[in-house]
Every structure is written in structure tokens, then in C-alpha cells.
Amino acid sequence: MAPYDRGQKVLRRGFWTDLVGYALVQSYVLGLLIGALIRGMDEASGLSRRGLVSGWPLGAQVAFFVVTHDFYTYWFHRWQHRSPVLWRLHEAHHSNADVDWLAAARSHALEILINQTVEFAPMVLLGASPGVPVIKGTFGALWGLWIHANVGVRTGRLQWVVNGPEAHRWHHAVDADAHDRNFATKLALWDRVFGTAFLPERRKPSGYGLPEVAFPRGYVAQQAFAFRRRSRPEAG
């Protein structure tokens, strides 16, 4: 009804790969694997039995894990754009030439394995309430869909504190001055504090994706692409 980029197709190229391969199959399988990994960590360490945060109010627990994980995500995201090895995994997320809500799901399996283990393990190991991973996980998933959505929302100065589509579309832009900017996921404040914020007025990105990379179609080919002999010369 109010798109940021008019004319962008709903059933764009890669729609079914992202929906079936990434959002459904990959998410389900990795959910089982990550759950097993975290259970193994807890059985080996016994940390959850100490209940280090279990006495906190539910709201305080959720706020603590949202803010600390968001801070981690900002710095790990910056590292992915700097490290040639990590860029091979993160490249898949930037490969869509059309940025929409479903583009949020396209991330390499190993990248998700790392990030969601880091996200959920502390909640379990520190003894958070069982509701915390549900609330935090749901909020995080919906926020990821939101910041990638093709929605022409303008939030003004609030965009400098809370991240949204207006700024995050620039992170996926091909424009040279937008490279390595707007790494934040939820709190755009991190970009402001650490000097990576970018939100020009009266201007839109000229395009998205990786036009210089012949990124393959199909889920399996995209997973294997990270392990090709020759990668992108320079991350970011």
C-alpha cells in the first residue's frame, strides 16, 4: 500500500528459495541443531542450575538479553564486512537485488548457527525464565522482517535511535558512500555512537545486492557458493 520502492515485485526472483529453503526448512533444521548444542553445553557445565538471572523480573531479563545481544550483533556484523572469511558467509544475505521482508531470511546456515547459538545460549545458561527465549526470539524475528520490509515509513529523528527500514535499506544499497554503514539491527544508536550511521535526506538507494558477483540461484548452490575457490576481493 505504501512501498519504499515502487514497482518492486512481491514474487521477485528468489522468493521461493527464500521462503522454502531459508525461512522454512533451514530455520527448522537449525532450530533443532542449535537446541541440541545448547542442551549439550548446559549438561556439560550445569550453569543453568545456578539461576544467575532467574530472580530478575521477566521484563528486566528480556531487556537485558535484547540490549546485550544487539550490541554483540552490531560488532559481529561489522566484523563480517571486514573479514574475508566471514564475508563468504554473510555474502548470501546481501545477494538479493530486491530487499523485502522475506530477504531477512536469506542468511547462510553457518552464519545462523553462529549467531543464534550466541543469541540463545546465554538465556539458557544464565537461567532465564522459559518465556524469555520465546519473547526474545519472536521479537527478534519480527524485527528482522520489519527492517527489511519494502515500506515507505519515515520516522525522523527516532530513526537515529531505533532502527527501521528507512536506514537498513541503505545497508543493502550498492551506492559507494553507503558501504559499511548502518550495521545496527534494533538500536540504531550503536551506529550513531560508533560512527557508522548513514541516512541521507531526499535520496534513495540506486539499487541493492551484489551486482559484481554472479550469485547462484537455488538454496544448495547458494550454500556451496561460500566455499568456492575464489571469493569477492574485498569485503563490504
Protein backbone atom coordinates (compact mmCIF):
# COMPACT_ATOMS: atom_id res chain seq x y z
CA MET A 1 0.00 0.00 0.00
CA ALA A 2 2.88 2.38 0.76
CA PRO A 3 6.10 0.88 -0.63
CA TYR A 4 9.53 2.43 -0.27
CA ASP A 5 10.49 1.21 -3.75
CA ARG A 6 7.51 1.33 -6.07
CA GLY A 7 7.29 -1.38 -8.70
CA GLN A 8 9.17 -3.98 -6.66
CA LYS A 9 7.52 -7.35 -7.24
CA VAL A 10 6.13 -9.45 -4.42
CA LEU A 11 7.06 -12.70 -6.19
CA ARG A 12 10.51 -11.41 -7.06
CA ARG A 13 13.45 -13.54 -8.14
CA GLY A 14 14.44 -15.91 -5.35
CA PHE A 15 11.13 -15.61 -3.49
CA TRP A 16 10.51 -19.36 -3.27
CA THR A 17 14.14 -20.14 -2.43
CA ASP A 18 13.98 -17.70 0.47
CA LEU A 19 10.57 -18.86 1.66
CA VAL A 20 11.04 -22.63 1.41
CA GLY A 21 14.81 -23.10 1.58
CA TYR A 22 15.68 -20.49 4.20
CA ALA A 23 12.57 -19.44 6.14
CA LEU A 24 11.04 -22.91 6.49
CA VAL A 25 13.49 -25.78 6.01
CA GLN A 26 16.73 -24.16 7.16
CA SER A 27 15.12 -22.45 10.15
CA TYR A 28 13.51 -25.69 11.31
CA VAL A 29 16.63 -27.85 10.95
CA LEU A 30 18.93 -25.28 12.54
CA GLY A 31 16.45 -24.80 15.38
CA LEU A 32 16.81 -28.48 16.24
CA LEU A 33 20.61 -28.38 15.91
CA ILE A 34 21.08 -25.22 17.95
CA GLY A 35 18.75 -26.53 20.64
CA ALA A 36 20.82 -29.71 20.89
CA LEU A 37 24.08 -27.74 21.07
CA ILE A 38 22.81 -25.55 23.89
CA ARG A 39 21.46 -28.53 25.82
CA GLY A 40 24.89 -30.14 25.49
CA MET A 41 26.59 -27.01 26.80
CA ASP A 42 24.24 -26.89 29.76
CA GLU A 43 24.63 -30.57 30.60
CA ALA A 44 28.41 -30.22 30.49
CA SER A 45 28.56 -27.02 32.56
CA GLY A 46 25.46 -27.11 34.75
CA LEU A 47 25.31 -23.32 34.52
CA SER A 48 21.55 -23.00 34.23
CA ARG A 49 21.10 -24.55 37.66
CA ARG A 50 22.82 -21.55 39.23
CA GLY A 51 19.97 -19.32 38.06
CA LEU A 52 22.12 -16.22 37.74
CA VAL A 53 19.27 -14.11 36.33
CA SER A 54 16.28 -16.22 37.33
CA GLY A 55 15.40 -13.89 40.21
CA TRP A 56 15.08 -10.86 37.94
CA PRO A 57 11.66 -9.62 36.80
CA LEU A 58 10.68 -11.01 33.39
CA GLY A 59 10.83 -7.57 31.77
CA ALA A 60 14.34 -6.96 33.08
CA GLN A 61 15.51 -10.32 31.74
CA VAL A 62 14.10 -9.64 28.29
CA ALA A 63 15.55 -6.10 28.19
CA PHE A 64 18.98 -7.36 29.30
CA PHE A 65 19.21 -10.02 26.60
CA VAL A 66 17.78 -7.76 23.87
CA VAL A 67 20.31 -4.98 24.52
CA THR A 68 23.38 -7.16 25.09
CA HIS A 69 22.68 -9.35 22.06
CA ASP A 70 22.02 -6.29 19.91
CA PHE A 71 25.39 -4.86 20.97
CA TYR A 72 27.08 -8.15 20.03
CA THR A 73 25.23 -8.25 16.70
CA TYR A 74 26.42 -4.76 15.78
CA TRP A 75 30.09 -5.63 16.27
CA PHE A 76 29.91 -9.10 14.76
CA HIS A 77 28.12 -7.60 11.74
CA ARG A 78 30.93 -5.07 11.29
CA TRP A 79 33.47 -7.88 11.55
CA GLN A 80 31.64 -9.85 8.86
CA HIS A 81 32.08 -6.95 6.46
CA ARG A 82 35.80 -6.69 7.27
CA SER A 83 36.81 -10.34 7.39
CA PRO A 84 37.17 -12.12 4.01
CA VAL A 85 36.31 -15.43 5.70
CA LEU A 86 33.17 -14.18 7.46
CA TRP A 87 32.13 -12.22 4.38
CA ARG A 88 31.86 -15.51 2.46
CA LEU A 89 29.02 -16.45 4.82
CA HIS A 90 27.43 -13.01 5.09
CA GLU A 91 27.50 -12.50 1.32
CA ALA A 92 24.32 -14.56 0.90
CA HIS A 93 22.35 -12.07 2.97
CA HIS A 94 23.38 -9.23 0.66
CA SER A 95 22.74 -11.13 -2.57
CA ASN A 96 19.09 -10.19 -3.10
CA ALA A 97 18.63 -7.47 -5.69
CA ASP A 98 15.19 -6.79 -4.17
CA VAL A 99 15.05 -6.07 -0.45
CA ASP A 100 11.78 -7.10 1.19
CA TRP A 101 10.52 -8.76 4.37
CA LEU A 102 11.50 -12.21 3.10
CA ALA A 103 15.04 -11.13 2.25
CA ALA A 104 15.63 -11.13 6.02
CA ALA A 105 15.51 -14.94 5.95
CA ARG A 106 18.36 -15.35 3.46
CA SER A 107 21.44 -15.97 5.57
CA HIS A 108 23.98 -18.77 5.22
CA ALA A 109 23.36 -21.73 7.52
CA LEU A 110 26.75 -21.33 9.25
CA GLU A 111 26.08 -17.66 9.92
CA ILE A 112 22.75 -18.54 11.55
CA LEU A 113 24.37 -21.36 13.51
CA ILE A 114 26.88 -18.91 15.00
CA ASN A 115 24.51 -16.02 15.63
CA GLN A 116 21.57 -17.93 17.06
CA THR A 117 23.76 -20.06 19.30
CA VAL A 118 25.28 -16.85 20.68
CA GLU A 119 21.76 -15.42 20.99
CA PHE A 120 20.02 -18.26 22.82
CA ALA A 121 22.81 -19.99 24.79
CA PRO A 122 23.22 -17.16 27.34
CA MET A 123 19.49 -17.16 28.08
CA VAL A 124 19.56 -20.86 28.90
CA LEU A 125 22.94 -20.94 30.65
CA LEU A 126 22.19 -17.92 32.84
CA GLY A 127 18.90 -19.46 33.95
CA ALA A 128 16.46 -17.06 32.32
CA SER A 129 12.73 -17.69 32.61
CA PRO A 130 11.46 -20.17 29.96
CA GLY A 131 9.38 -17.35 28.49
CA VAL A 132 12.42 -15.17 27.75
CA PRO A 133 13.74 -17.10 24.71
CA VAL A 134 10.18 -17.20 23.31
CA ILE A 135 9.64 -13.46 23.74
CA LYS A 136 13.17 -12.50 22.63
CA GLY A 137 13.14 -14.89 19.66
CA THR A 138 9.72 -13.76 18.44
CA PHE A 139 10.57 -10.09 18.83
CA GLY A 140 13.90 -10.57 17.02
CA ALA A 141 12.34 -12.47 14.12
CA LEU A 142 9.58 -9.90 13.61
CA TRP A 143 12.05 -7.03 13.86
CA GLY A 144 14.21 -8.64 11.17
CA LEU A 145 11.21 -8.84 8.86
CA TRP A 146 10.33 -5.23 9.65
CA ILE A 147 13.69 -3.60 8.90
CA HIS A 148 13.90 -5.39 5.54
CA ALA A 149 10.30 -4.65 4.54
CA ASN A 150 9.58 -2.56 1.46
CA VAL A 151 7.65 0.01 3.47
CA GLY A 152 7.91 3.74 2.87
CA VAL A 153 7.98 4.70 6.53
CA ARG A 154 9.70 7.86 7.73
CA THR A 155 10.43 8.08 11.45
CA GLY A 156 12.52 11.26 11.51
CA ARG A 157 14.89 11.64 14.45
CA LEU A 158 13.62 8.41 16.00
CA GLN A 159 15.47 6.60 13.18
CA TRP A 160 18.74 7.66 14.80
CA VAL A 161 17.83 5.69 17.94
CA VAL A 162 15.62 2.80 16.77
CA ASN A 163 16.47 1.04 13.51
CA GLY A 164 13.90 0.62 10.75
CA PRO A 165 13.51 0.07 7.00
CA GLU A 166 14.47 3.64 6.15
CA ALA A 167 18.05 3.18 7.35
CA HIS A 168 18.52 -0.55 6.84
CA ARG A 169 17.78 -0.38 3.12
CA TRP A 170 20.89 1.78 2.84
CA HIS A 171 22.91 -1.03 4.39
CA HIS A 172 21.93 -3.21 1.42
CA ALA A 173 22.48 -0.44 -1.14
CA VAL A 174 25.04 -0.63 -3.94
CA ASP A 175 25.90 3.09 -3.60
CA ALA A 176 29.59 3.52 -2.77
CA ASP A 177 29.03 6.00 0.07
CA ALA A 178 26.62 3.59 1.77
CA HIS A 179 29.09 0.71 2.01
CA ASP A 180 29.89 -0.44 5.54
CA ARG A 181 27.22 1.71 7.14
CA ASN A 182 24.12 1.10 9.28
CA PHE A 183 25.16 -2.19 10.90
CA ALA A 184 22.65 -1.96 13.75
CA THR A 185 19.68 -4.32 13.96
CA LYS A 186 17.36 -2.90 16.62
CA LEU A 187 19.13 0.04 18.22
CA ALA A 188 20.41 2.44 15.57
CA LEU A 189 22.07 4.21 18.49
CA TRP A 190 25.09 1.92 18.03
CA ASP A 191 25.70 3.35 14.55
CA ARG A 192 25.46 6.87 15.91
CA VAL A 193 27.85 6.21 18.79
CA PHE A 194 30.44 4.34 16.72
CA GLY A 195 30.32 6.49 13.60
CA THR A 196 28.67 4.21 11.04
CA ALA A 197 25.27 5.91 10.70
CA PHE A 198 24.16 6.90 7.19
CA LEU A 199 20.77 8.37 6.34
CA PRO A 200 20.86 10.99 3.56
CA GLU A 201 17.82 13.19 3.04
CA ARG A 202 15.77 13.36 -0.17
CA ARG A 203 17.61 10.44 -1.71
CA LYS A 204 17.01 6.72 -2.19
CA PRO A 205 19.45 3.85 -2.88
CA SER A 206 20.20 3.33 -6.55
CA GLY A 207 19.96 -0.43 -6.17
CA TYR A 208 20.61 -3.39 -3.92
CA GLY A 209 22.50 -6.66 -3.94
CA LEU A 210 25.88 -7.69 -5.30
CA PRO A 211 25.89 -6.72 -8.97
CA GLU A 212 29.57 -7.61 -9.36
CA VAL A 213 29.05 -11.17 -8.07
CA ALA A 214 27.44 -13.96 -10.13
CA PHE A 215 25.50 -15.27 -7.15
CA PRO A 216 23.80 -18.60 -7.95
CA ARG A 217 20.11 -19.44 -7.78
CA GLY A 218 18.84 -22.24 -5.56
CA TYR A 219 19.38 -22.93 -1.88
CA VAL A 220 22.05 -25.66 -2.17
CA ALA A 221 24.09 -23.72 -4.73
CA GLN A 222 23.98 -20.61 -2.53
CA GLN A 223 25.21 -22.55 0.49
CA ALA A 224 28.05 -24.06 -1.53
CA PHE A 225 28.99 -20.68 -3.02
CA ALA A 226 30.63 -19.65 0.25
CA PHE A 227 33.21 -22.40 -0.23
CA ARG A 228 34.19 -21.55 -3.81
CA ARG A 229 37.90 -21.22 -4.60
CA ARG A 230 37.85 -17.53 -5.26
CA SER A 231 35.78 -15.06 -3.23
CA ARG A 232 34.98 -11.41 -3.55
CA PRO A 233 38.32 -9.49 -3.49
CA GLU A 234 37.27 -7.09 -0.78
CA ALA A 235 34.61 -7.50 1.90
CA GLY A 236 31.90 -4.94 2.40
